[in-house]
Every structure is written in structure tokens, then in C-alpha cells.
Amino acid sequence: MARHTPTKPPSPRDCSGLAKVWHASVPMKPALARIGQRLHPATPRAFGLSSELVAGVVVGAGLGWLADRWLGIAPWGLIVFVLLGFTAGVLNVMRSAGVVAGGGIEDGLRKDREG
């Protein structure tokens, strides 16, 4: 007896667990398997650095919006805190990239004690 393999896969929504098993057993096409290999090796680092910049701006915008709502100083809180968030984001990106040394409070205190 020859084994029959369906030409059109059943939809996982239409069938029970059998269709899900069938979908899991079908090998990926070679073109889809190579998509991950096309990325440049520095791509994850680039995404990480860009997310640090975006996070700084978003946090600054959120704090500025809250300052505007609580203090009633619209739009100045948003403007000031977005600029501060952008500055903090750029500084974080530069520290992560190794352009600027990470000088925190501990480094400043250590320098004061030493010298």
C-alpha cells in the first residue's frame, strides 16, 4: 500500500491536533531557512542601540506629559523632558558603543576619595 500525502495542507483552525502535527512535520523551504543567515552580524547590536535611544525619548516624553498635566505648564514640560530624554538616550548609546566611558556616581566618588 502506498502512503497518501495530501497536496494541500489542512488548516490548523479547521482540524484538531493532527493538523498541527502535520504542519510541524513539514520541512521549511530552504529560502525561508536562509533568511536568518542574511542578517549582518551587527544587526542585534544596532537594534539594541536604537532601542536605547528610542526608550530615552519615550521616557522623557512620558515624564514631560505628566509634568504638564500635574503642573499645568503645557507644553513646556513636554519640550524640556523630550530634550532631556533625547540627551540621555544619546549618552546611553555612546556608553553602550564604548565611545564614552561610563562615568557614574561611583566613579566620581572614587576619584574624590583618591585624590
N, C-alpha and C. Protein backbone atom coordinates (compact mmCIF):
# COMPACT_ATOMS: atom_id res chain seq x y z
N MET A 1 0.83 -1.18 0.00
CA MET A 1 0.00 0.00 0.00
C MET A 1 0.87 1.24 0.00
N ALA A 2 0.55 2.13 -0.86
CA ALA A 2 1.28 3.39 -0.93
C ALA A 2 0.69 4.37 0.07
N ARG A 3 1.57 5.12 0.65
CA ARG A 3 1.12 6.11 1.64
C ARG A 3 0.69 7.37 0.90
N HIS A 4 -0.48 7.87 1.25
CA HIS A 4 -1.02 9.07 0.60
C HIS A 4 -0.61 10.31 1.39
N THR A 5 0.02 11.26 0.70
CA THR A 5 0.34 12.54 1.34
C THR A 5 -0.51 13.61 0.70
N PRO A 6 -1.18 14.40 1.50
CA PRO A 6 -2.06 15.43 0.93
C PRO A 6 -1.25 16.51 0.23
N THR A 7 -1.83 17.04 -0.85
CA THR A 7 -1.15 18.10 -1.60
C THR A 7 -1.41 19.46 -0.97
N LYS A 8 -2.56 19.62 -0.39
CA LYS A 8 -2.89 20.89 0.26
C LYS A 8 -2.98 20.63 1.76
N PRO A 9 -2.16 21.33 2.55
CA PRO A 9 -2.18 21.06 3.99
C PRO A 9 -3.47 21.55 4.62
N PRO A 10 -3.97 20.80 5.59
CA PRO A 10 -5.17 21.26 6.30
C PRO A 10 -4.83 22.46 7.18
N SER A 11 -5.78 23.32 7.34
CA SER A 11 -5.59 24.49 8.18
C SER A 11 -5.63 24.08 9.65
N PRO A 12 -4.73 24.65 10.48
CA PRO A 12 -4.76 24.30 11.90
C PRO A 12 -6.06 24.69 12.58
N ARG A 13 -6.74 25.71 12.05
CA ARG A 13 -8.01 26.12 12.66
C ARG A 13 -9.11 25.12 12.36
N ASP A 14 -9.07 24.50 11.18
CA ASP A 14 -10.14 23.62 10.76
C ASP A 14 -10.06 22.23 11.38
N CYS A 15 -8.89 21.79 11.71
CA CYS A 15 -8.70 20.43 12.20
C CYS A 15 -8.25 20.43 13.65
N SER A 16 -8.16 19.24 14.15
CA SER A 16 -7.73 19.08 15.54
C SER A 16 -6.22 19.09 15.62
N GLY A 17 -5.67 18.46 16.62
CA GLY A 17 -4.24 18.43 16.84
C GLY A 17 -3.48 17.75 15.72
N LEU A 18 -4.15 16.88 14.93
CA LEU A 18 -3.49 16.19 13.84
C LEU A 18 -2.94 17.16 12.81
N ALA A 19 -3.70 18.20 12.48
CA ALA A 19 -3.24 19.18 11.50
C ALA A 19 -2.04 19.95 12.03
N LYS A 20 -2.04 20.24 13.32
CA LYS A 20 -0.90 20.96 13.90
C LYS A 20 0.35 20.10 13.84
N VAL A 21 0.19 18.80 14.08
CA VAL A 21 1.34 17.90 13.98
C VAL A 21 1.83 17.84 12.54
N TRP A 22 0.90 17.80 11.59
CA TRP A 22 1.28 17.77 10.17
C TRP A 22 2.05 19.03 9.81
N HIS A 23 1.58 20.20 10.25
CA HIS A 23 2.27 21.45 9.95
C HIS A 23 3.66 21.47 10.58
N ALA A 24 3.80 20.91 11.76
CA ALA A 24 5.09 20.91 12.42
C ALA A 24 6.07 19.96 11.75
N SER A 25 5.55 18.91 11.09
CA SER A 25 6.44 17.92 10.47
C SER A 25 6.87 18.32 9.06
N VAL A 26 6.21 19.29 8.45
CA VAL A 26 6.57 19.71 7.10
C VAL A 26 7.84 20.55 7.18
N PRO A 27 8.88 20.19 6.43
CA PRO A 27 10.12 20.96 6.49
C PRO A 27 9.95 22.35 5.87
N MET A 28 10.75 23.28 6.39
CA MET A 28 10.71 24.64 5.85
C MET A 28 11.38 24.66 4.49
N LYS A 29 10.97 25.59 3.67
CA LYS A 29 11.62 25.75 2.38
C LYS A 29 13.03 26.29 2.62
N PRO A 30 13.98 25.91 1.79
CA PRO A 30 15.35 26.39 2.00
C PRO A 30 15.48 27.91 1.99
N ALA A 31 14.67 28.58 1.18
CA ALA A 31 14.75 30.05 1.14
C ALA A 31 14.34 30.66 2.47
N LEU A 32 13.33 30.08 3.11
CA LEU A 32 12.90 30.60 4.40
C LEU A 32 13.91 30.28 5.49
N ALA A 33 14.60 29.18 5.38
CA ALA A 33 15.59 28.82 6.38
C ALA A 33 16.81 29.72 6.31
N ARG A 34 17.09 30.30 5.14
CA ARG A 34 18.27 31.14 4.98
C ARG A 34 18.02 32.60 5.34
N ILE A 35 16.81 32.98 5.67
CA ILE A 35 16.52 34.39 5.97
C ILE A 35 17.36 34.87 7.14
N GLY A 36 17.47 34.07 8.18
CA GLY A 36 18.26 34.46 9.34
C GLY A 36 19.74 34.60 9.03
N GLN A 37 20.22 33.91 8.01
CA GLN A 37 21.63 33.97 7.66
C GLN A 37 21.97 35.23 6.89
N ARG A 38 21.00 35.92 6.34
CA ARG A 38 21.26 37.12 5.56
C ARG A 38 21.54 38.34 6.42
N LEU A 39 21.16 38.29 7.67
CA LEU A 39 21.34 39.44 8.53
C LEU A 39 22.82 39.65 8.83
N HIS A 40 23.19 40.90 8.91
CA HIS A 40 24.56 41.24 9.26
C HIS A 40 24.79 40.87 10.72
N PRO A 41 25.98 40.44 11.08
CA PRO A 41 26.22 40.04 12.48
C PRO A 41 26.02 41.17 13.49
N ALA A 42 26.12 42.42 13.06
CA ALA A 42 25.96 43.55 13.98
C ALA A 42 24.52 44.01 14.10
N THR A 43 23.60 43.35 13.42
CA THR A 43 22.20 43.78 13.45
C THR A 43 21.60 43.76 14.85
N PRO A 44 21.79 42.72 15.65
CA PRO A 44 21.21 42.76 17.01
C PRO A 44 21.75 43.91 17.85
N ARG A 45 23.02 44.19 17.72
CA ARG A 45 23.60 45.32 18.47
C ARG A 45 23.01 46.64 18.01
N ALA A 46 22.81 46.78 16.71
CA ALA A 46 22.22 48.01 16.18
C ALA A 46 20.80 48.20 16.68
N PHE A 47 20.02 47.11 16.73
CA PHE A 47 18.67 47.20 17.26
C PHE A 47 18.70 47.57 18.74
N GLY A 48 19.65 47.03 19.48
CA GLY A 48 19.77 47.35 20.89
C GLY A 48 20.11 48.81 21.12
N LEU A 49 21.05 49.33 20.33
CA LEU A 49 21.43 50.74 20.48
C LEU A 49 20.28 51.67 20.09
N SER A 50 19.59 51.33 19.01
CA SER A 50 18.48 52.20 18.60
C SER A 50 17.33 52.14 19.61
N SER A 51 17.12 50.98 20.23
CA SER A 51 16.05 50.90 21.23
C SER A 51 16.40 51.71 22.47
N GLU A 52 17.69 51.83 22.80
CA GLU A 52 18.07 52.67 23.94
C GLU A 52 17.78 54.14 23.65
N LEU A 53 18.03 54.57 22.44
CA LEU A 53 17.73 55.95 22.07
C LEU A 53 16.23 56.21 22.10
N VAL A 54 15.47 55.30 21.51
CA VAL A 54 14.02 55.47 21.48
C VAL A 54 13.44 55.43 22.89
N ALA A 55 13.97 54.55 23.74
CA ALA A 55 13.47 54.46 25.11
C ALA A 55 13.72 55.76 25.87
N GLY A 56 14.88 56.38 25.66
CA GLY A 56 15.15 57.66 26.33
C GLY A 56 14.16 58.73 25.93
N VAL A 57 13.85 58.81 24.64
CA VAL A 57 12.90 59.82 24.16
C VAL A 57 11.50 59.52 24.67
N VAL A 58 11.10 58.26 24.66
CA VAL A 58 9.74 57.89 25.11
C VAL A 58 9.58 58.17 26.61
N VAL A 59 10.58 57.81 27.40
CA VAL A 59 10.50 58.09 28.84
C VAL A 59 10.47 59.59 29.09
N GLY A 60 11.29 60.34 28.37
CA GLY A 60 11.27 61.80 28.51
C GLY A 60 9.92 62.39 28.13
N ALA A 61 9.33 61.89 27.05
CA ALA A 61 8.02 62.39 26.63
C ALA A 61 6.95 62.06 27.67
N GLY A 62 7.03 60.85 28.24
CA GLY A 62 6.06 60.48 29.27
C GLY A 62 6.18 61.34 30.51
N LEU A 63 7.40 61.57 30.95
CA LEU A 63 7.60 62.43 32.13
C LEU A 63 7.17 63.87 31.84
N GLY A 64 7.45 64.34 30.64
CA GLY A 64 7.04 65.70 30.27
C GLY A 64 5.53 65.84 30.23
N TRP A 65 4.86 64.81 29.71
CA TRP A 65 3.40 64.85 29.65
C TRP A 65 2.83 64.86 31.07
N LEU A 66 3.42 64.03 31.94
CA LEU A 66 2.94 64.03 33.33
C LEU A 66 3.19 65.37 34.01
N ALA A 67 4.34 65.97 33.76
CA ALA A 67 4.63 67.29 34.34
C ALA A 67 3.65 68.33 33.83
N ASP A 68 3.31 68.27 32.56
CA ASP A 68 2.33 69.20 32.00
C ASP A 68 0.96 69.02 32.65
N ARG A 69 0.56 67.77 32.86
CA ARG A 69 -0.76 67.52 33.44
C ARG A 69 -0.82 67.95 34.91
N TRP A 70 0.22 67.64 35.68
CA TRP A 70 0.19 67.91 37.12
C TRP A 70 0.46 69.38 37.43
N LEU A 71 1.38 69.98 36.68
CA LEU A 71 1.76 71.35 36.99
C LEU A 71 1.03 72.39 36.14
N GLY A 72 0.38 71.96 35.08
CA GLY A 72 -0.36 72.87 34.21
C GLY A 72 0.55 73.82 33.44
N ILE A 73 1.70 73.32 32.99
CA ILE A 73 2.66 74.19 32.30
C ILE A 73 2.81 73.80 30.83
N ALA A 74 1.76 73.22 30.24
CA ALA A 74 1.84 72.76 28.85
C ALA A 74 2.26 73.89 27.94
N PRO A 75 3.04 73.65 26.99
CA PRO A 75 3.78 72.47 26.51
C PRO A 75 5.22 72.42 27.01
N TRP A 76 5.58 73.22 27.98
CA TRP A 76 6.98 73.35 28.37
C TRP A 76 7.55 72.11 29.02
N GLY A 77 6.78 71.43 29.80
CA GLY A 77 7.28 70.20 30.42
C GLY A 77 7.62 69.15 29.38
N LEU A 78 6.73 69.01 28.39
CA LEU A 78 6.97 68.04 27.34
C LEU A 78 8.22 68.40 26.54
N ILE A 79 8.37 69.67 26.20
CA ILE A 79 9.53 70.11 25.42
C ILE A 79 10.83 69.85 26.19
N VAL A 80 10.86 70.26 27.44
CA VAL A 80 12.08 70.12 28.23
C VAL A 80 12.42 68.65 28.45
N PHE A 81 11.43 67.84 28.82
CA PHE A 81 11.72 66.45 29.12
C PHE A 81 12.02 65.62 27.87
N VAL A 82 11.45 65.96 26.71
CA VAL A 82 11.82 65.26 25.48
C VAL A 82 13.27 65.55 25.14
N LEU A 83 13.69 66.81 25.32
CA LEU A 83 15.09 67.14 25.07
C LEU A 83 16.01 66.43 26.06
N LEU A 84 15.62 66.39 27.33
CA LEU A 84 16.41 65.65 28.31
C LEU A 84 16.45 64.15 28.01
N GLY A 85 15.33 63.60 27.58
CA GLY A 85 15.28 62.18 27.21
C GLY A 85 16.13 61.87 26.00
N PHE A 86 16.12 62.78 25.03
CA PHE A 86 16.98 62.60 23.86
C PHE A 86 18.45 62.64 24.26
N THR A 87 18.80 63.58 25.12
CA THR A 87 20.18 63.69 25.59
C THR A 87 20.59 62.44 26.36
N ALA A 88 19.72 61.96 27.24
CA ALA A 88 20.02 60.74 28.00
C ALA A 88 20.13 59.53 27.07
N GLY A 89 19.27 59.46 26.05
CA GLY A 89 19.34 58.35 25.10
C GLY A 89 20.62 58.36 24.31
N VAL A 90 21.05 59.53 23.84
CA VAL A 90 22.31 59.62 23.10
C VAL A 90 23.48 59.25 24.00
N LEU A 91 23.46 59.69 25.23
CA LEU A 91 24.52 59.35 26.17
C LEU A 91 24.56 57.85 26.44
N ASN A 92 23.41 57.22 26.60
CA ASN A 92 23.35 55.77 26.79
C ASN A 92 23.88 55.02 25.58
N VAL A 93 23.54 55.49 24.38
CA VAL A 93 24.03 54.85 23.16
C VAL A 93 25.55 54.99 23.09
N MET A 94 26.07 56.16 23.41
CA MET A 94 27.51 56.36 23.36
C MET A 94 28.23 55.50 24.40
N ARG A 95 27.65 55.35 25.58
CA ARG A 95 28.24 54.48 26.61
C ARG A 95 28.21 53.03 26.16
N SER A 96 27.10 52.58 25.60
CA SER A 96 26.98 51.19 25.16
C SER A 96 27.92 50.89 23.99
N ALA A 97 28.12 51.87 23.14
CA ALA A 97 29.00 51.68 21.99
C ALA A 97 30.47 51.78 22.38
N GLY A 98 30.75 52.26 23.58
CA GLY A 98 32.12 52.36 24.03
C GLY A 98 32.81 53.65 23.64
N VAL A 99 32.05 54.63 23.16
CA VAL A 99 32.63 55.91 22.75
C VAL A 99 32.95 56.75 23.98
N VAL A 100 32.08 56.70 24.98
CA VAL A 100 32.25 57.46 26.21
C VAL A 100 32.35 56.47 27.36
N ALA A 101 33.26 56.74 28.28
CA ALA A 101 33.37 55.88 29.46
C ALA A 101 32.14 56.07 30.33
N GLY A 102 31.69 54.99 30.93
CA GLY A 102 30.51 55.04 31.80
C GLY A 102 30.85 55.66 33.13
N GLY A 103 30.76 56.96 33.24
CA GLY A 103 31.07 57.65 34.48
C GLY A 103 29.82 57.84 35.30
N GLY A 104 29.69 57.06 36.34
CA GLY A 104 28.53 57.17 37.21
C GLY A 104 28.89 57.85 38.51
N ILE A 105 28.00 57.82 39.44
CA ILE A 105 28.22 58.43 40.75
C ILE A 105 29.37 57.73 41.46
N GLU A 106 29.45 56.40 41.32
CA GLU A 106 30.51 55.65 41.99
C GLU A 106 31.89 56.09 41.51
N ASP A 107 32.04 56.34 40.20
CA ASP A 107 33.33 56.77 39.66
C ASP A 107 33.71 58.14 40.19
N GLY A 108 32.75 59.03 40.29
CA GLY A 108 33.03 60.38 40.82
C GLY A 108 33.42 60.33 42.27
N LEU A 109 32.74 59.50 43.07
CA LEU A 109 33.08 59.38 44.48
C LEU A 109 34.46 58.75 44.65
N ARG A 110 34.77 57.78 43.81
CA ARG A 110 36.07 57.12 43.90
C ARG A 110 37.20 58.11 43.59
N LYS A 111 36.98 58.97 42.60
CA LYS A 111 38.00 59.97 42.25
C LYS A 111 38.18 60.98 43.38
N ASP A 112 37.08 61.36 44.04
CA ASP A 112 37.17 62.31 45.15
C ASP A 112 37.95 61.71 46.32
N ARG A 113 37.74 60.43 46.59
CA ARG A 113 38.43 59.79 47.71
C ARG A 113 39.91 59.60 47.41
N GLU A 114 40.22 59.28 46.15
CA GLU A 114 41.62 59.02 45.80
C GLU A 114 42.43 60.30 45.70
N GLY A 115 41.79 61.32 45.29
CA GLY A 115 42.63 62.39 45.04
C GLY A 115 42.44 63.76 45.25
